[in-house]
Amino acid sequence: QVQLVESGGGLVQAVGSLRLSCAASGRSFSTYNMGWFRQAPGKEREFVAFIVWNGGSTYYADSVKGRFTISRDNAKNTVYLQMNSLKPEDTAVYSCAAGGYRASDPATYAVWGQGTQVTVSS
């Protein structure tokens, strides 16, 4: 089973950009579908983006479509989330997860990272 570690979070001004990384340990990373979720204080966990095991298909929440891009490099055991045109409402802890078979359903994911904080100032 893989273990996941996120990085790349931080404080950024509105309309700025950040790139999050999720590094996986373990040899089976390339067989996992991967997702990004976020959770803001006092709110439920929210689906952000999803990519299938070979990178051939992606899926996004409507709230981030056109601004965020998910990608992966299986040779580096890493999945990325490029976030552009950030808004204050994007402020949250962002977590990656492995193994989802229903993209937006967190219950279908087997492994979660600890998360990285993204704060967008207005």
C-alpha atoms as a PDB file:
ATOM      1  CA  GLN A   1       0.000   0.000   0.000  1.00  0.00           C
ATOM      2  CA  VAL A   2       1.256   3.497  -0.776  1.00  0.00           C
ATOM      3  CA  GLN A   3       1.898   6.310   1.670  1.00  0.00           C
ATOM      4  CA  LEU A   4       1.263   9.894   0.581  1.00  0.00           C
ATOM      5  CA  VAL A   5       2.967  13.159   1.519  1.00  0.00           C
ATOM      6  CA  GLU A   6       1.735  16.525   0.246  1.00  0.00           C
ATOM      7  CA  SER A   7       3.832  19.657  -0.187  1.00  0.00           C
ATOM      8  CA  GLY A   8       3.681  23.043  -1.847  1.00  0.00           C
ATOM      9  CA  GLY A   9       1.041  24.763   0.218  1.00  0.00           C
ATOM     10  CA  GLY A  10       1.446  28.265   1.569  1.00  0.00           C
ATOM     11  CA  LEU A  11       0.147  31.804   1.597  1.00  0.00           C
ATOM     12  CA  VAL A  12      -0.606  33.456  -1.734  1.00  0.00           C
ATOM     13  CA  GLN A  13      -2.483  36.544  -2.834  1.00  0.00           C
ATOM     14  CA  ALA A  14      -5.686  36.293  -4.809  1.00  0.00           C
ATOM     15  CA  VAL A  15      -5.191  35.620  -8.545  1.00  0.00           C
ATOM     16  CA  GLY A  16      -1.835  34.053  -7.718  1.00  0.00           C
ATOM     17  CA  SER A  17      -0.748  30.461  -8.332  1.00  0.00           C
ATOM     18  CA  LEU A  18       0.534  27.491  -6.387  1.00  0.00           C
ATOM     19  CA  ARG A  19       1.512  23.974  -7.344  1.00  0.00           C
ATOM     20  CA  LEU A  20       0.862  21.205  -4.889  1.00  0.00           C
ATOM     21  CA  SER A  21       2.716  17.919  -5.015  1.00  0.00           C
ATOM     22  CA  CYS A  22       1.779  14.562  -3.570  1.00  0.00           C
ATOM     23  CA  ALA A  23       4.677  12.128  -3.344  1.00  0.00           C
ATOM     24  CA  ALA A  24       3.898   8.460  -2.949  1.00  0.00           C
ATOM     25  CA  SER A  25       6.029   5.692  -1.563  1.00  0.00           C
ATOM     26  CA  GLY A  26       5.569   2.153  -2.743  1.00  0.00           C
ATOM     27  CA  ARG A  27       5.815   0.396  -6.075  1.00  0.00           C
ATOM     28  CA  SER A  28       2.116   0.291  -6.882  1.00  0.00           C
ATOM     29  CA  PHE A  29       1.526   4.038  -7.275  1.00  0.00           C
ATOM     30  CA  SER A  30       1.057   3.766 -11.043  1.00  0.00           C
ATOM     31  CA  THR A  31      -1.919   1.458 -10.553  1.00  0.00           C
ATOM     32  CA  TYR A  32      -3.878   3.905  -8.377  1.00  0.00           C
ATOM     33  CA  ASN A  33      -6.373   6.500  -9.453  1.00  0.00           C
ATOM     34  CA  MET A  34      -5.598   9.683  -7.529  1.00  0.00           C
ATOM     35  CA  GLY A  35      -7.691  12.528  -6.188  1.00  0.00           C
ATOM     36  CA  TRP A  36      -7.320  15.887  -4.495  1.00  0.00           C
ATOM     37  CA  PHE A  37      -9.775  17.033  -1.851  1.00  0.00           C
ATOM     38  CA  ARG A  38      -9.926  20.096   0.353  1.00  0.00           C
ATOM     39  CA  GLN A  39     -11.489  21.041   3.651  1.00  0.00           C
ATOM     40  CA  ALA A  40     -12.015  24.560   4.897  1.00  0.00           C
ATOM     41  CA  PRO A  41     -12.616  25.345   8.586  1.00  0.00           C
ATOM     42  CA  GLY A  42     -16.162  24.482   9.608  1.00  0.00           C
ATOM     43  CA  LYS A  43     -16.947  22.896   6.239  1.00  0.00           C
ATOM     44  CA  GLU A  44     -17.157  19.370   4.937  1.00  0.00           C
ATOM     45  CA  ARG A  45     -14.446  17.794   2.840  1.00  0.00           C
ATOM     46  CA  GLU A  46     -14.872  18.787  -0.798  1.00  0.00           C
ATOM     47  CA  PHE A  47     -13.771  17.040  -3.970  1.00  0.00           C
ATOM     48  CA  VAL A  48     -11.353  19.038  -6.135  1.00  0.00           C
ATOM     49  CA  ALA A  49      -9.826  16.917  -8.910  1.00  0.00           C
ATOM     50  CA  PHE A  50      -9.249  13.333 -10.047  1.00  0.00           C
ATOM     51  CA  ILE A  51      -6.913  11.549 -12.434  1.00  0.00           C
ATOM     52  CA  VAL A  52      -6.974   7.941 -13.522  1.00  0.00           C
ATOM     53  CA  TRP A  53      -3.995   5.626 -13.038  1.00  0.00           C
ATOM     54  CA  ASN A  54      -2.407   6.283 -16.444  1.00  0.00           C
ATOM     55  CA  GLY A  55      -3.243   9.982 -16.627  1.00  0.00           C
ATOM     56  CA  GLY A  56      -5.602   9.397 -19.530  1.00  0.00           C
ATOM     57  CA  SER A  57      -8.651  10.991 -17.949  1.00  0.00           C
ATOM     58  CA  THR A  58      -9.255  13.804 -15.483  1.00  0.00           C
ATOM     59  CA  TYR A  59     -12.288  15.197 -13.710  1.00  0.00           C
ATOM     60  CA  TYR A  60     -12.785  18.461 -11.808  1.00  0.00           C
ATOM     61  CA  ALA A  61     -15.207  20.072  -9.437  1.00  0.00           C
ATOM     62  CA  ASP A  62     -17.135  22.872 -11.123  1.00  0.00           C
ATOM     63  CA  SER A  63     -15.680  25.348  -8.631  1.00  0.00           C
ATOM     64  CA  VAL A  64     -12.122  24.807  -9.902  1.00  0.00           C
ATOM     65  CA  LYS A  65     -12.671  23.866 -13.544  1.00  0.00           C
ATOM     66  CA  GLY A  66     -10.569  26.028 -15.847  1.00  0.00           C
ATOM     67  CA  ARG A  67      -8.338  27.194 -12.980  1.00  0.00           C
ATOM     68  CA  PHE A  68      -6.835  23.991 -11.565  1.00  0.00           C
ATOM     69  CA  THR A  69      -5.022  21.201 -13.408  1.00  0.00           C
ATOM     70  CA  ILE A  70      -4.264  17.754 -12.050  1.00  0.00           C
ATOM     71  CA  SER A  71      -1.406  15.742 -13.528  1.00  0.00           C
ATOM     72  CA  ARG A  72       0.839  12.871 -12.585  1.00  0.00           C
ATOM     73  CA  ASP A  73       4.315  11.526 -13.234  1.00  0.00           C
ATOM     74  CA  ASN A  74       4.312   7.805 -12.542  1.00  0.00           C
ATOM     75  CA  ALA A  75       8.075   7.617 -12.999  1.00  0.00           C
ATOM     76  CA  LYS A  76       8.400  10.004 -10.042  1.00  0.00           C
ATOM     77  CA  ASN A  77       5.495   8.539  -8.035  1.00  0.00           C
ATOM     78  CA  THR A  78       3.991  12.006  -7.823  1.00  0.00           C
ATOM     79  CA  VAL A  79       0.687  13.667  -8.556  1.00  0.00           C
ATOM     80  CA  TYR A  80       0.397  17.432  -8.924  1.00  0.00           C
ATOM     81  CA  LEU A  81      -2.276  20.065  -8.588  1.00  0.00           C
ATOM     82  CA  GLN A  82      -1.528  23.297 -10.441  1.00  0.00           C
ATOM     83  CA  MET A  83      -3.746  26.026  -9.041  1.00  0.00           C
ATOM     84  CA  ASN A  84      -4.098  29.297 -10.965  1.00  0.00           C
ATOM     85  CA  SER A  85      -6.290  32.352 -10.480  1.00  0.00           C
ATOM     86  CA  LEU A  86      -6.662  31.510  -6.822  1.00  0.00           C
ATOM     87  CA  LYS A  87      -9.520  33.000  -4.839  1.00  0.00           C
ATOM     88  CA  PRO A  88      -9.931  33.507  -1.086  1.00  0.00           C
ATOM     89  CA  GLU A  89     -12.612  30.808  -1.125  1.00  0.00           C
ATOM     90  CA  ASP A  90      -9.949  28.306  -2.212  1.00  0.00           C
ATOM     91  CA  THR A  91      -8.424  28.578   1.269  1.00  0.00           C
ATOM     92  CA  ALA A  92      -8.396  25.099   2.815  1.00  0.00           C
ATOM     93  CA  VAL A  93      -6.287  22.119   3.760  1.00  0.00           C
ATOM     94  CA  TYR A  94      -5.636  20.181   0.567  1.00  0.00           C
ATOM     95  CA  SER A  95      -5.173  16.431   0.736  1.00  0.00           C
ATOM     96  CA  CYS A  96      -4.354  13.853  -1.883  1.00  0.00           C
ATOM     97  CA  ALA A  97      -5.838  10.385  -1.841  1.00  0.00           C
ATOM     98  CA  ALA A  98      -5.207   7.127  -3.668  1.00  0.00           C
ATOM     99  CA  GLY A  99      -7.430   4.421  -4.992  1.00  0.00           C
ATOM    100  CA  GLY A 100     -10.732   6.121  -5.678  1.00  0.00           C
ATOM    101  CA  TYR A 101     -13.145   4.385  -8.049  1.00  0.00           C
ATOM    102  CA  ARG A 102     -15.787   7.084  -7.795  1.00  0.00           C
ATOM    103  CA  ALA A 103     -13.930  10.314  -8.393  1.00  0.00           C
ATOM    104  CA  SER A 104     -15.788  12.653  -6.084  1.00  0.00           C
ATOM    105  CA  ASP A 105     -16.642  10.156  -3.316  1.00  0.00           C
ATOM    106  CA  PRO A 106     -14.011  10.229  -0.553  1.00  0.00           C
ATOM    107  CA  ALA A 107     -15.321   6.946   0.872  1.00  0.00           C
ATOM    108  CA  THR A 108     -13.928   5.098  -2.168  1.00  0.00           C
ATOM    109  CA  TYR A 109     -10.338   6.154  -1.530  1.00  0.00           C
ATOM    110  CA  ALA A 110      -8.065   3.795   0.398  1.00  0.00           C
ATOM    111  CA  VAL A 111      -5.109   5.976   1.377  1.00  0.00           C
ATOM    112  CA  TRP A 112      -4.894   9.640   2.408  1.00  0.00           C
ATOM    113  CA  GLY A 113      -2.091  12.088   2.953  1.00  0.00           C
ATOM    114  CA  GLN A 114      -1.850  14.450   5.923  1.00  0.00           C
ATOM    115  CA  GLY A 115      -2.702  17.548   3.935  1.00  0.00           C
ATOM    116  CA  THR A 116      -1.098  20.892   3.199  1.00  0.00           C
ATOM    117  CA  GLN A 117      -2.534  24.293   4.048  1.00  0.00           C
ATOM    118  CA  VAL A 118      -3.344  26.736   1.266  1.00  0.00           C
ATOM    119  CA  THR A 119      -4.290  30.260   2.276  1.00  0.00           C
ATOM    120  CA  VAL A 120      -5.376  32.822  -0.297  1.00  0.00           C
ATOM    121  CA  SER A 121      -5.488  36.437   0.851  1.00  0.00           C
ATOM    122  CA  SER A 122      -7.710  39.032  -0.750  1.00  0.00           C
END
